[in-house]
C-alpha atoms as a PDB file:
ATOM      1  CA  UNK A   1      38.459  19.350-121.673  1.00  0.00           C
ATOM      2  CA  UNK A   2      37.694  23.037-121.822  1.00  0.00           C
ATOM      3  CA  UNK A   3      33.989  22.349-121.265  1.00  0.00           C
ATOM      4  CA  UNK A   4      34.870  20.395-118.113  1.00  0.00           C
ATOM      5  CA  UNK A   5      37.051  23.253-116.840  1.00  0.00           C
ATOM      6  CA  UNK A   6      34.323  25.793-117.606  1.00  0.00           C
ATOM      7  CA  UNK A   7      31.719  23.617-115.919  1.00  0.00           C
ATOM      8  CA  UNK A   8      33.990  23.216-112.900  1.00  0.00           C
ATOM      9  CA  UNK A   9      34.573  26.976-112.699  1.00  0.00           C
ATOM     10  CA  UNK A  10      30.843  27.666-112.861  1.00  0.00           C
ATOM     11  CA  UNK A  11      30.233  25.099-110.130  1.00  0.00           C
ATOM     12  CA  UNK A  12      32.913  26.663-107.906  1.00  0.00           C
ATOM     13  CA  UNK A  13      31.485  30.138-108.532  1.00  0.00           C
ATOM     14  CA  UNK A  14      27.982  28.936-107.679  1.00  0.00           C
ATOM     15  CA  UNK A  15      29.266  27.391-104.443  1.00  0.00           C
ATOM     16  CA  UNK A  16      31.066  30.628-103.540  1.00  0.00           C
ATOM     17  CA  UNK A  17      27.943  32.726-104.196  1.00  0.00           C
ATOM     18  CA  UNK A  18      25.788  30.314-102.194  1.00  0.00           C
ATOM     19  CA  UNK A  19      28.332  30.343 -99.349  1.00  0.00           C
ATOM     20  CA  UNK A  20      28.476  34.148 -99.353  1.00  0.00           C
ATOM     21  CA  UNK A  21      24.697  34.328 -99.252  1.00  0.00           C
ATOM     22  CA  UNK A  22      24.604  31.785 -96.446  1.00  0.00           C
ATOM     23  CA  UNK A  23      27.157  33.821 -94.463  1.00  0.00           C
ATOM     24  CA  UNK A  24      24.853  36.870 -94.586  1.00  0.00           C
ATOM     25  CA  UNK A  25      21.620  34.984 -94.033  1.00  0.00           C
ATOM     26  CA  UNK A  26      21.778  34.340 -90.278  1.00  0.00           C
ATOM     27  CA  UNK A  27      23.185  37.766 -89.320  1.00  0.00           C
ATOM     28  CA  UNK A  28      20.501  39.421 -91.466  1.00  0.00           C
ATOM     29  CA  UNK A  29      17.778  37.364 -89.836  1.00  0.00           C
ATOM     30  CA  UNK A  30      19.097  38.180 -86.345  1.00  0.00           C
ATOM     31  CA  UNK A  31      19.429  41.884 -87.138  1.00  0.00           C
ATOM     32  CA  UNK A  32      15.904  42.103 -88.521  1.00  0.00           C
ATOM     33  CA  UNK A  33      14.382  40.245 -85.572  1.00  0.00           C
ATOM     34  CA  UNK A  34      16.329  42.387 -83.110  1.00  0.00           C
ATOM     35  CA  UNK A  35      15.233  45.614 -84.803  1.00  0.00           C
ATOM     36  CA  UNK A  36      11.628  44.411 -84.946  1.00  0.00           C
ATOM     37  CA  UNK A  37      11.626  43.599 -81.235  1.00  0.00           C
ATOM     38  CA  UNK A  38      13.131  46.984 -80.335  1.00  0.00           C
ATOM     39  CA  UNK A  39      10.640  48.797 -82.562  1.00  0.00           C
ATOM     40  CA  UNK A  40       7.631  46.913 -81.194  1.00  0.00           C
ATOM     41  CA  UNK A  41       8.715  47.830 -77.657  1.00  0.00           C
ATOM     42  CA  UNK A  42       8.461  51.565 -78.398  1.00  0.00           C
ATOM     43  CA  UNK A  43       5.906  51.693 -81.203  1.00  0.00           C
ATOM     44  CA  UNK A  44       2.829  52.382 -79.058  1.00  0.00           C
ATOM     45  CA  UNK A  45       4.482  55.400 -77.449  1.00  0.00           C
ATOM     46  CA  UNK A  46       6.116  56.815 -80.587  1.00  0.00           C
ATOM     47  CA  UNK A  47       2.849  56.559 -82.514  1.00  0.00           C
ATOM     48  CA  UNK A  48       1.349  59.099 -80.101  1.00  0.00           C
ATOM     49  CA  UNK A  49       3.971  61.787 -80.629  1.00  0.00           C
ATOM     50  CA  UNK A  50       5.656  60.954 -83.958  1.00  0.00           C
ATOM     51  CA  UNK A  51       3.081  59.017 -86.010  1.00  0.00           C
ATOM     52  CA  UNK A  52       4.456  59.802 -89.490  1.00  0.00           C
ATOM     53  CA  UNK A  53       8.025  58.979 -88.489  1.00  0.00           C
ATOM     54  CA  UNK A  54       6.869  55.764 -86.798  1.00  0.00           C
ATOM     55  CA  UNK A  55       5.109  54.626 -89.957  1.00  0.00           C
ATOM     56  CA  UNK A  56       8.218  55.459 -92.032  1.00  0.00           C
ATOM     57  CA  UNK A  57      10.360  53.307 -89.767  1.00  0.00           C
ATOM     58  CA  UNK A  58       7.834  50.489 -89.943  1.00  0.00           C
ATOM     59  CA  UNK A  59       8.145  50.637 -93.727  1.00  0.00           C
ATOM     60  CA  UNK A  60      11.953  50.477 -93.458  1.00  0.00           C
ATOM     61  CA  UNK A  61      11.692  47.296 -91.379  1.00  0.00           C
ATOM     62  CA  UNK A  62       9.288  45.771 -93.891  1.00  0.00           C
ATOM     63  CA  UNK A  63      11.686  46.692 -96.708  1.00  0.00           C
ATOM     64  CA  UNK A  64      14.543  44.870 -94.947  1.00  0.00           C
ATOM     65  CA  UNK A  65      12.289  41.831 -94.470  1.00  0.00           C
ATOM     66  CA  UNK A  66      11.309  41.948 -98.128  1.00  0.00           C
ATOM     67  CA  UNK A  67      14.972  41.876 -99.184  1.00  0.00           C
ATOM     68  CA  UNK A  68      15.528  38.919 -96.887  1.00  0.00           C
ATOM     69  CA  UNK A  69      12.514  37.092 -98.331  1.00  0.00           C
ATOM     70  CA  UNK A  70      13.917  37.622-101.822  1.00  0.00           C
ATOM     71  CA  UNK A  71      17.188  35.995-100.637  1.00  0.00           C
ATOM     72  CA  UNK A  72      19.095  39.277-100.969  1.00  0.00           C
ATOM     73  CA  UNK A  73      20.746  38.719 -97.610  1.00  0.00           C
ATOM     74  CA  UNK A  74      23.579  41.237 -98.022  1.00  0.00           C
ATOM     75  CA  UNK A  75      21.128  44.036 -98.783  1.00  0.00           C
ATOM     76  CA  UNK A  76      18.834  42.866 -95.978  1.00  0.00           C
ATOM     77  CA  UNK A  77      21.731  42.886 -93.516  1.00  0.00           C
ATOM     78  CA  UNK A  78      22.830  46.341 -94.631  1.00  0.00           C
ATOM     79  CA  UNK A  79      19.295  47.710 -94.203  1.00  0.00           C
ATOM     80  CA  UNK A  80      18.777  45.967 -90.870  1.00  0.00           C
ATOM     81  CA  UNK A  81      22.043  47.230 -89.347  1.00  0.00           C
ATOM     82  CA  UNK A  82      20.895  50.813 -89.978  1.00  0.00           C
ATOM     83  CA  UNK A  83      17.635  50.273 -88.098  1.00  0.00           C
ATOM     84  CA  UNK A  84      18.836  50.539 -84.460  1.00  0.00           C
ATOM     85  CA  UNK A  85      20.080  54.108 -85.026  1.00  0.00           C
ATOM     86  CA  UNK A  86      16.795  55.013 -86.697  1.00  0.00           C
ATOM     87  CA  UNK A  87      14.856  53.545 -83.775  1.00  0.00           C
ATOM     88  CA  UNK A  88      16.950  55.551 -81.301  1.00  0.00           C
ATOM     89  CA  UNK A  89      16.359  58.732 -83.313  1.00  0.00           C
ATOM     90  CA  UNK A  90      12.618  58.050 -83.348  1.00  0.00           C
ATOM     91  CA  UNK A  91      12.541  57.512 -79.583  1.00  0.00           C
ATOM     92  CA  UNK A  92      14.478  60.766 -79.059  1.00  0.00           C
ATOM     93  CA  UNK A  93      12.123  62.682 -81.334  1.00  0.00           C
ATOM     94  CA  UNK A  94       8.989  61.281 -79.674  1.00  0.00           C
ATOM     95  CA  UNK A  95      10.472  62.030 -76.243  1.00  0.00           C
ATOM     96  CA  UNK A  96      11.185  65.647 -77.177  1.00  0.00           C
ATOM     97  CA  UNK A  97       7.658  66.107 -78.489  1.00  0.00           C
ATOM     98  CA  UNK A  98       6.161  64.521 -75.389  1.00  0.00           C
ATOM     99  CA  UNK A  99       8.214  66.891 -73.210  1.00  0.00           C
ATOM    100  CA  UNK A 100       6.733  69.820 -75.134  1.00  0.00           C
ATOM    101  CA  UNK A 101       3.188  68.493 -74.624  1.00  0.00           C
ATOM    102  CA  UNK A 102       3.866  68.087 -70.879  1.00  0.00           C
ATOM    103  CA  UNK A 103       5.201  71.654 -70.763  1.00  0.00           C
ATOM    104  CA  UNK A 104       2.003  72.876 -72.438  1.00  0.00           C
ATOM    105  CA  UNK A 105      -0.116  70.857 -70.008  1.00  0.00           C
ATOM    106  CA  UNK A 106       1.643  72.311 -66.976  1.00  0.00           C
ATOM    107  CA  UNK A 107       1.447  75.862 -68.362  1.00  0.00           C
ATOM    108  CA  UNK A 108      -2.277  75.452 -69.050  1.00  0.00           C
ATOM    109  CA  UNK A 109      -2.831  74.172 -65.528  1.00  0.00           C
ATOM    110  CA  UNK A 110      -1.153  77.223 -63.981  1.00  0.00           C
ATOM    111  CA  UNK A 111      -2.919  79.619 -66.314  1.00  0.00           C
ATOM    112  CA  UNK A 112      -6.358  78.106 -65.748  1.00  0.00           C
ATOM    113  CA  UNK A 113      -5.873  78.218 -61.988  1.00  0.00           C
ATOM    114  CA  UNK A 114      -5.042  81.929 -62.137  1.00  0.00           C
ATOM    115  CA  UNK A 115      -7.924  82.634 -64.510  1.00  0.00           C
ATOM    116  CA  UNK A 116     -10.564  80.831 -62.456  1.00  0.00           C
ATOM    117  CA  UNK A 117      -9.310  82.577 -59.293  1.00  0.00           C
ATOM    118  CA  UNK A 118      -9.597  85.944 -61.048  1.00  0.00           C
ATOM    119  CA  UNK A 119     -13.105  85.183 -62.327  1.00  0.00           C
ATOM    120  CA  UNK A 120     -14.255  83.959 -58.923  1.00  0.00           C
ATOM    121  CA  UNK A 121     -12.874  87.044 -57.171  1.00  0.00           C
ATOM    122  CA  UNK A 122     -14.551  89.308 -59.736  1.00  0.00           C
ATOM    123  CA  UNK A 123     -17.896  87.508 -59.377  1.00  0.00           C
ATOM    124  CA  UNK A 124     -17.747  87.828 -55.583  1.00  0.00           C
ATOM    125  CA  UNK A 125     -16.831  91.501 -55.827  1.00  0.00           C
ATOM    126  CA  UNK A 126     -19.636  92.302 -58.278  1.00  0.00           C
ATOM    127  CA  UNK A 127     -22.180  90.302 -56.292  1.00  0.00           C
ATOM    128  CA  UNK A 128     -21.568  92.520 -53.236  1.00  0.00           C
ATOM    129  CA  UNK A 129     -22.129  95.737 -55.171  1.00  0.00           C
ATOM    130  CA  UNK A 130     -25.473  97.461 -55.290  1.00  0.00           C
ATOM    131  CA  UNK A 131     -24.643  99.020 -58.636  1.00  0.00           C
ATOM    132  CA  UNK A 132     -22.768  97.166 -61.340  1.00  0.00           C
ATOM    133  CA  UNK A 133     -20.117  98.912 -63.460  1.00  0.00           C
ATOM    134  CA  UNK A 134     -20.971 100.082 -67.007  1.00  0.00           C
ATOM    135  CA  UNK A 135     -21.128  97.249 -69.540  1.00  0.00           C
ATOM    136  CA  UNK A 136     -21.957  94.599 -66.941  1.00  0.00           C
ATOM    137  CA  UNK A 137     -25.478  93.651 -65.936  1.00  0.00           C
ATOM    138  CA  UNK A 138     -27.026  90.823 -63.934  1.00  0.00           C
ATOM    139  CA  UNK A 139     -27.382  88.676 -67.058  1.00  0.00           C
ATOM    140  CA  UNK A 140     -23.646  88.923 -67.749  1.00  0.00           C
ATOM    141  CA  UNK A 141     -22.913  88.077 -64.167  1.00  0.00           C
ATOM    142  CA  UNK A 142     -25.085  84.948 -64.421  1.00  0.00           C
ATOM    143  CA  UNK A 143     -23.359  84.011 -67.690  1.00  0.00           C
ATOM    144  CA  UNK A 144     -19.962  84.350 -65.987  1.00  0.00           C
ATOM    145  CA  UNK A 145     -21.095  82.086 -63.141  1.00  0.00           C
ATOM    146  CA  UNK A 146     -22.261  79.453 -65.662  1.00  0.00           C
ATOM    147  CA  UNK A 147     -19.012  79.751 -67.622  1.00  0.00           C
ATOM    148  CA  UNK A 148     -17.004  79.385 -64.404  1.00  0.00           C
ATOM    149  CA  UNK A 149     -18.881  76.181 -63.574  1.00  0.00           C
ATOM    150  CA  UNK A 150     -18.225  74.885 -67.106  1.00  0.00           C
ATOM    151  CA  UNK A 151     -14.511  75.660 -66.812  1.00  0.00           C
ATOM    152  CA  UNK A 152     -14.309  73.720 -63.551  1.00  0.00           C
ATOM    153  CA  UNK A 153     -16.085  70.736 -65.121  1.00  0.00           C
ATOM    154  CA  UNK A 154     -13.965  70.852 -68.293  1.00  0.00           C
ATOM    155  CA  UNK A 155     -10.728  71.095 -66.308  1.00  0.00           C
ATOM    156  CA  UNK A 156     -11.749  68.075 -64.221  1.00  0.00           C
ATOM    157  CA  UNK A 157     -12.345  66.115 -67.427  1.00  0.00           C
ATOM    158  CA  UNK A 158      -8.966  67.226 -68.778  1.00  0.00           C
ATOM    159  CA  UNK A 159      -7.212  66.044 -65.602  1.00  0.00           C
ATOM    160  CA  UNK A 160      -8.986  62.684 -65.770  1.00  0.00           C
ATOM    161  CA  UNK A 161      -7.861  62.316 -69.381  1.00  0.00           C
ATOM    162  CA  UNK A 162      -4.291  63.182 -68.379  1.00  0.00           C
ATOM    163  CA  UNK A 163      -4.364  60.593 -65.593  1.00  0.00           C
ATOM    164  CA  UNK A 164      -5.555  58.034 -68.159  1.00  0.00           C
ATOM    165  CA  UNK A 165      -2.335  58.640 -70.113  1.00  0.00           C
ATOM    166  CA  UNK A 166      -3.908  60.503 -73.044  1.00  0.00           C
ATOM    167  CA  UNK A 167      -1.727  63.593 -72.838  1.00  0.00           C
ATOM    168  CA  UNK A 168      -2.578  65.200 -76.187  1.00  0.00           C
ATOM    169  CA  UNK A 169      -6.321  64.748 -75.618  1.00  0.00           C
ATOM    170  CA  UNK A 170      -5.896  66.232 -72.148  1.00  0.00           C
ATOM    171  CA  UNK A 171      -4.132  69.306 -73.551  1.00  0.00           C
ATOM    172  CA  UNK A 172      -6.898  69.747 -76.142  1.00  0.00           C
ATOM    173  CA  UNK A 173      -9.547  69.624 -73.391  1.00  0.00           C
ATOM    174  CA  UNK A 174      -7.559  72.043 -71.238  1.00  0.00           C
ATOM    175  CA  UNK A 175      -7.360  74.470 -74.177  1.00  0.00           C
ATOM    176  CA  UNK A 176     -11.149  74.294 -74.518  1.00  0.00           C
ATOM    177  CA  UNK A 177     -11.443  75.036 -70.805  1.00  0.00           C
ATOM    178  CA  UNK A 178      -9.134  78.021 -71.269  1.00  0.00           C
ATOM    179  CA  UNK A 179     -11.312  79.331 -74.112  1.00  0.00           C
ATOM    180  CA  UNK A 180     -14.315  79.127 -71.808  1.00  0.00           C
ATOM    181  CA  UNK A 181     -12.394  80.939 -69.060  1.00  0.00           C
ATOM    182  CA  UNK A 182     -11.467  83.677 -71.538  1.00  0.00           C
ATOM    183  CA  UNK A 183     -15.163  84.028 -72.330  1.00  0.00           C
ATOM    184  CA  UNK A 184     -15.982  84.450 -68.635  1.00  0.00           C
ATOM    185  CA  UNK A 185     -13.180  86.975 -68.080  1.00  0.00           C
ATOM    186  CA  UNK A 186     -14.121  89.027 -71.131  1.00  0.00           C
ATOM    187  CA  UNK A 187     -17.758  89.138 -70.024  1.00  0.00           C
ATOM    188  CA  UNK A 188     -16.679  90.485 -66.641  1.00  0.00           C
ATOM    189  CA  UNK A 189     -14.368  93.117 -68.117  1.00  0.00           C
ATOM    190  CA  UNK A 190     -11.186  91.377 -66.985  1.00  0.00           C
ATOM    191  CA  UNK A 191      -8.002  91.627 -69.035  1.00  0.00           C
ATOM    192  CA  UNK A 192      -6.845  88.387 -70.676  1.00  0.00           C
ATOM    193  CA  UNK A 193      -3.155  87.864 -71.350  1.00  0.00           C
ATOM    194  CA  UNK A 194      -1.934  86.208 -74.542  1.00  0.00           C
ATOM    195  CA  UNK A 195      -1.595  82.465 -74.103  1.00  0.00           C
ATOM    196  CA  UNK A 196       1.985  81.123 -74.118  1.00  0.00           C
ATOM    197  CA  UNK A 197       0.625  77.748 -75.207  1.00  0.00           C
ATOM    198  CA  UNK A 198       1.469  76.342 -78.641  1.00  0.00           C
END
């Protein structure tokens, strides 16, 4: 009699556990799929500006899926319900970093414009003179002209890269153009201000 009661209790307990697992299964599946869809929608953009954090979040999604695959639906649901906030935080972080890159791009554009104008004005002024100032000879003047042409070409490439949507590459190219402009200014005896660019 006792064996029957014990067997019945075990059966009831098994049914309750199975039912509880079943209750969590569908919500966990929905939550994981929803988080995956939201993540995939922003992943390409966040990878550009927050690659490490994007990979961490990808791992968190895979961990939730792994729990689901091991039939640990409660744990999978708990992990999955935390994902939307993490995705929002990632998007915010990537957005803030992108804003900083855009700020750097705009600052570089203004600075390069002022630098190339200064170099061009200096070249024109020196070209008109019969006697060049101490420390500057015709060779340096020719080097400055060549550097000015390089800066113009490099800046055009940077703008093309920016238009193609590769902001960080564009900033890197613009920084190289700035370095070349500094070289031209220094060769012509012009003062170069410290760059405010990070």
